[in-house]
Protein backbone atom coordinates (compact mmCIF):
# COMPACT_ATOMS: atom_id res chain seq x y z
CA MET A 1 8.92 0.84 9.92
CA ASN A 2 12.48 2.16 9.74
CA ARG A 3 12.78 2.67 5.98
CA ALA A 4 13.47 6.24 4.85
CA PRO A 5 10.24 8.02 3.87
CA ARG A 6 9.43 8.06 0.17
CA LEU A 7 8.12 10.77 -2.11
CA TYR A 8 5.45 9.62 -4.58
CA ALA A 9 4.73 11.76 -7.61
CA HIS A 10 0.94 11.77 -7.87
CA ARG A 11 0.19 11.13 -11.58
CA GLY A 12 3.77 12.24 -12.26
CA ALA A 13 4.89 15.86 -12.12
CA ALA A 14 1.27 16.87 -12.65
CA ALA A 15 1.84 20.50 -11.63
CA GLU A 16 4.20 20.94 -14.58
CA LEU A 17 3.19 18.46 -17.28
CA PRO A 18 0.03 16.60 -18.35
CA GLU A 19 -0.77 13.98 -15.75
CA ASN A 20 -0.25 10.26 -16.32
CA THR A 21 2.00 10.75 -19.34
CA LEU A 22 5.51 9.43 -19.81
CA PRO A 23 7.12 12.92 -19.86
CA SER A 24 5.33 13.72 -16.58
CA PHE A 25 6.66 10.54 -14.96
CA GLN A 26 10.18 11.16 -16.26
CA ARG A 27 10.13 14.74 -15.00
CA ALA A 28 9.01 13.63 -11.55
CA LEU A 29 11.96 11.28 -11.25
CA GLU A 30 14.32 14.04 -12.41
CA LEU A 31 12.95 16.27 -9.64
CA GLY A 32 13.67 13.69 -6.96
CA ALA A 33 10.55 11.55 -6.64
CA ASP A 34 11.24 8.09 -5.23
CA ALA A 35 8.18 6.46 -6.81
CA LEU A 36 5.32 7.16 -9.20
CA GLU A 37 1.61 7.03 -8.45
CA THR A 38 -0.69 6.39 -11.39
CA ASP A 39 -4.16 5.11 -12.33
CA ALA A 40 -5.22 2.32 -14.63
CA HIS A 41 -8.21 1.64 -16.90
CA LEU A 42 -8.91 -1.10 -19.43
CA THR A 43 -9.57 -0.40 -23.10
CA ARG A 44 -12.19 -2.26 -25.10
CA ASP A 45 -9.48 -4.41 -26.66
CA GLY A 46 -7.92 -5.33 -23.31
CA HIS A 47 -4.99 -2.95 -22.84
CA VAL A 48 -4.15 -1.40 -19.46
CA VAL A 49 -3.79 2.35 -20.02
CA LEU A 50 -2.82 5.00 -17.50
CA SER A 51 -5.54 7.58 -16.89
CA HIS A 52 -7.21 8.83 -13.74
CA ASP A 53 -10.62 9.40 -15.34
CA PRO A 54 -12.80 6.76 -16.99
CA THR A 55 -13.36 9.08 -19.97
CA GLY A 56 -11.18 11.37 -22.07
CA MET A 57 -13.29 14.44 -21.33
CA ARG A 58 -11.26 16.32 -18.71
CA MET A 59 -7.77 15.69 -20.03
CA CYS A 60 -8.41 15.27 -23.76
CA GLY A 61 -11.72 17.00 -24.47
CA VAL A 62 -13.12 13.69 -25.74
CA ALA A 63 -16.44 12.57 -24.26
CA ARG A 64 -15.80 8.86 -24.70
CA ARG A 65 -15.25 6.11 -22.16
CA ILE A 66 -11.90 4.38 -22.24
CA ALA A 67 -13.74 1.09 -21.74
CA ASP A 68 -15.59 1.67 -25.02
CA ALA A 69 -12.52 2.67 -27.05
CA THR A 70 -9.63 0.70 -28.51
CA LEU A 71 -6.06 1.42 -27.51
CA GLU A 72 -5.49 3.04 -30.91
CA GLU A 73 -8.39 5.41 -30.29
CA VAL A 74 -7.29 6.32 -26.75
CA GLN A 75 -3.75 7.01 -27.87
CA SER A 76 -5.00 9.30 -30.64
CA TRP A 77 -6.48 11.64 -28.00
CA ASP A 78 -4.50 14.74 -27.03
CA ALA A 79 -3.68 14.23 -23.34
CA GLY A 80 -2.03 17.65 -23.22
CA TYR A 81 -5.30 19.45 -23.94
CA GLY A 82 -6.54 19.31 -20.35
CA PHE A 83 -3.47 20.86 -18.74
CA ILE A 84 -4.29 24.49 -17.93
CA ASP A 85 -1.61 26.80 -16.51
CA ALA A 86 -2.04 29.67 -14.05
CA THR A 87 -3.00 32.05 -16.88
CA GLY A 88 -5.69 29.71 -18.17
CA ALA A 89 -3.69 28.72 -21.25
CA ARG A 90 -3.57 25.18 -22.62
CA ILE A 91 0.19 25.27 -23.03
CA HIS A 92 0.64 21.54 -23.74
CA ALA A 93 -2.19 21.07 -26.23
CA GLY A 94 -1.15 19.69 -29.60
CA LYS A 95 2.32 18.63 -28.45
CA GLY A 96 1.94 14.90 -28.78
CA HIS A 97 1.08 13.95 -25.20
CA ARG A 98 -0.92 10.74 -24.88
CA PHE A 99 -1.95 8.19 -22.29
CA PRO A 100 0.61 5.37 -22.30
CA THR A 101 -0.01 1.74 -21.50
CA LEU A 102 1.30 0.39 -18.22
CA GLU A 103 3.57 -1.88 -20.22
CA GLU A 104 5.13 1.08 -22.05
CA VAL A 105 5.87 2.94 -18.84
CA LEU A 106 7.32 -0.07 -17.03
CA ARG A 107 9.67 -0.67 -19.95
CA ALA A 108 10.64 2.99 -20.29
CA LEU A 109 11.36 3.32 -16.56
CA PRO A 110 12.78 -0.08 -15.56
CA GLU A 111 14.16 1.08 -12.21
CA ALA A 112 11.18 3.14 -11.03
CA ARG A 113 8.81 2.05 -8.29
CA PHE A 114 5.07 2.38 -8.90
CA ASN A 115 1.78 2.68 -7.09
CA VAL A 116 -0.93 1.63 -9.55
CA ASP A 117 -4.53 2.45 -8.63
CA ALA A 118 -6.82 0.02 -10.47
CA LYS A 119 -9.78 2.28 -11.29
CA SER A 120 -11.73 0.08 -13.69
CA ARG A 121 -14.08 -2.54 -12.26
CA HIS A 122 -14.27 -4.49 -15.51
CA PRO A 123 -14.03 -8.25 -14.79
CA GLU A 124 -10.83 -8.46 -16.86
CA MET A 125 -9.12 -5.48 -15.23
CA VAL A 126 -7.36 -7.35 -12.43
CA PRO A 127 -6.20 -10.35 -14.52
CA ARG A 128 -4.87 -8.04 -17.26
CA LEU A 129 -3.12 -5.78 -14.77
CA LEU A 130 -1.45 -8.67 -12.97
CA GLU A 131 -0.50 -10.27 -16.28
CA VAL A 132 1.37 -7.10 -17.34
CA LEU A 133 3.16 -6.79 -14.00
CA LYS A 134 4.23 -10.42 -14.10
CA ARG A 135 5.35 -10.30 -17.72
CA GLU A 136 7.41 -7.17 -17.12
CA LYS A 137 8.86 -8.60 -13.88
CA ALA A 138 7.58 -5.52 -12.07
CA GLU A 139 5.70 -7.11 -9.17
CA GLU A 140 8.33 -6.33 -6.54
CA ARG A 141 8.39 -2.65 -7.50
CA THR A 142 4.64 -2.14 -7.86
CA LEU A 143 2.07 -1.63 -5.11
CA VAL A 144 -1.46 -2.26 -6.39
CA ALA A 145 -4.11 0.03 -4.90
CA SER A 146 -7.83 0.59 -5.38
CA PHE A 147 -10.69 2.32 -3.58
CA ASP A 148 -12.78 -0.77 -4.33
CA VAL A 149 -12.48 -3.58 -1.79
CA ASP A 150 -13.61 -6.29 -4.24
CA THR A 151 -10.84 -5.30 -6.64
CA LEU A 152 -8.16 -5.66 -3.99
CA ARG A 153 -9.62 -8.89 -2.65
CA ARG A 154 -9.36 -10.32 -6.15
CA VAL A 155 -5.76 -9.11 -6.51
CA ARG A 156 -4.86 -10.89 -3.28
CA ARG A 157 -6.93 -13.98 -4.08
CA LEU A 158 -5.10 -14.40 -7.38
CA GLY A 159 -1.85 -14.58 -5.43
CA TYR A 160 -0.24 -11.27 -6.37
CA PRO A 161 3.25 -11.48 -4.81
CA GLY A 162 3.72 -7.72 -4.62
CA LYS A 163 2.23 -5.31 -2.10
CA THR A 164 -1.30 -3.98 -2.00
CA GLY A 165 -2.84 -0.95 -0.38
CA LEU A 166 -6.06 -0.82 1.61
CA ALA A 167 -9.41 -0.23 -0.07
CA GLN A 168 -11.62 2.62 1.09
CA ALA A 169 -13.77 0.35 3.26
CA GLU A 170 -10.64 -1.12 4.85
CA VAL A 171 -9.29 2.36 5.58
CA TRP A 172 -12.52 3.36 7.30
CA ARG A 173 -12.38 0.20 9.40
CA LEU A 174 -8.78 0.95 10.28
CA VAL A 175 -9.62 4.47 11.42
CA ALA A 176 -12.88 3.66 13.21
CA LEU A 177 -12.07 0.50 15.15
CA PRO A 178 -9.80 0.26 18.21
CA ARG A 179 -6.48 -1.38 17.50
CA VAL A 180 -7.25 -4.44 19.62
CA LEU A 181 -10.21 -5.41 17.41
CA HIS A 182 -8.05 -5.62 14.30
CA GLY A 183 -6.38 -8.68 15.78
CA PHE A 184 -9.57 -10.67 15.20
CA VAL A 185 -9.99 -9.63 11.53
CA PRO A 186 -6.55 -8.48 10.37
CA LEU A 187 -6.12 -6.09 7.47
CA ARG A 188 -4.27 -7.73 4.60
CA GLY A 189 -2.73 -4.79 2.78
CA ALA A 190 0.75 -3.34 3.25
CA ALA A 191 -0.07 0.37 3.28
CA ALA A 192 -2.84 2.63 4.50
CA GLN A 193 -3.10 5.44 1.95
CA LEU A 194 -4.92 8.29 3.63
CA PRO A 195 -5.96 11.86 2.98
CA TYR A 196 -4.28 14.01 5.62
CA ARG A 197 -7.69 15.51 6.44
CA ILE A 198 -11.23 14.41 5.65
CA TYR A 199 -14.59 15.79 6.78
CA GLY A 200 -12.72 18.10 9.13
CA ILE A 201 -10.93 15.19 10.83
CA ASP A 202 -7.14 15.45 11.00
CA LEU A 203 -5.63 12.10 10.05
CA GLY A 204 -2.09 13.44 9.90
CA THR A 205 -1.31 12.72 13.53
CA ARG A 206 1.18 10.67 15.50
CA ALA A 207 -1.70 8.63 16.96
CA VAL A 208 -2.91 7.55 13.50
CA VAL A 209 0.60 6.73 12.33
CA ASP A 210 1.43 4.78 15.49
CA LYS A 211 -1.79 2.78 15.19
CA CYS A 212 -0.99 1.85 11.59
CA HIS A 213 2.59 0.93 12.43
CA ALA A 214 1.44 -1.26 15.32
CA LEU A 215 -0.72 -3.15 12.81
CA GLY A 216 2.22 -3.57 10.42
CA LEU A 217 0.98 -0.97 7.95
CA GLU A 218 2.89 1.82 6.29
CA VAL A 219 1.16 5.22 6.14
CA HIS A 220 1.04 7.14 2.85
CA TYR A 221 -0.60 10.59 2.82
CA TRP A 222 -2.17 12.27 -0.21
CA THR A 223 -2.27 14.79 -1.82
CA VAL A 224 0.33 17.11 -0.26
CA ASN A 225 1.48 20.15 -2.24
CA GLU A 226 2.66 22.48 0.54
CA PRO A 227 6.18 22.07 1.96
CA ALA A 228 5.15 22.99 5.52
CA LEU A 229 2.46 20.29 5.51
CA ALA A 230 4.91 17.73 4.11
CA GLU A 231 7.36 18.59 6.88
CA ARG A 232 4.65 18.17 9.52
CA LEU A 233 3.53 14.78 8.18
CA LEU A 234 7.08 13.50 8.01
CA GLY A 235 7.49 14.70 11.56
CA VAL A 236 4.68 12.46 12.80
CA GLY A 237 6.21 9.44 11.07
CA ALA A 238 4.64 9.25 7.60
CA ASP A 239 6.25 6.55 5.45
CA ALA A 240 5.34 8.24 2.17
CA ILE A 241 3.82 11.42 0.83
CA MET A 242 2.07 11.80 -2.52
CA THR A 243 2.33 15.14 -4.30
CA ASP A 244 1.33 16.74 -7.59
CA ASP A 245 4.33 19.05 -7.31
CA PRO A 246 7.60 17.21 -6.67
CA ARG A 247 9.54 20.40 -7.46
CA LYS A 248 8.15 21.94 -4.25
CA ILE A 249 8.14 18.87 -2.03
CA ALA A 250 11.39 17.08 -3.02
CA PRO A 251 13.53 19.74 -1.22
CA VAL A 252 11.75 18.89 2.05
CA PHE A 253 12.87 15.27 1.70
CA ALA A 254 16.37 16.28 0.63
CA ALA A 255 16.79 18.59 3.65
CA ARG A 256 15.52 15.90 5.98
CA ARG A 257 17.98 13.35 4.60
CA ARG A 258 20.88 15.79 4.95
CA ALA A 259 19.95 16.38 8.59
CA GLN A 260 19.96 12.69 9.47
């Protein structure tokens, strides 16, 4: 694990622009993000669209499930509506922001690396997602993640040549079991994507990172929006950090690279 640590923009530059939109992804890269984290759902007519939530309620004010809507419907929703600034104003409403398809974003950002969290559990979600990644020749630059273990098992079973993360159940097994026991039932993903703290337990430690590295896993921490915390996690050996605010966290990575 000697690769330079990477900064993932969590849903793009979500602190500045509506999350999971092309302008948000572009802004994150401008600010110094090394890769983009995003979330995928499947529309009724089979398109992979990028949205964290299964409905348009929070970000668009539309109480409709993406799974029940066509791509045309989803892309008519105002994805800027849900962005609220520090004053409580909806400063991006009515400015043309929309949820893009995965295909659109891969084509618009052909050099960018992605972490795609497959949220939908529709039977066609995994085949459609893998079909897009293969067609766009984006498998080598895309890590497929999911909280759902069955989703990731299907991704691996279908022979996805790119990397996968660990599902939530796999992460809990990683954390709970002694390292020696993992040799009997090895974990198949490439990266353990962890909250830095959960239920009062600090996971952002050298011991956790060393355990993951010994098992051949990278360690990616989410969601880190404070520079001091980012510095601490990099100090214990984190391979990647996910942030909503690359403007604040990118300078930590830049300073670290200058010092090396």
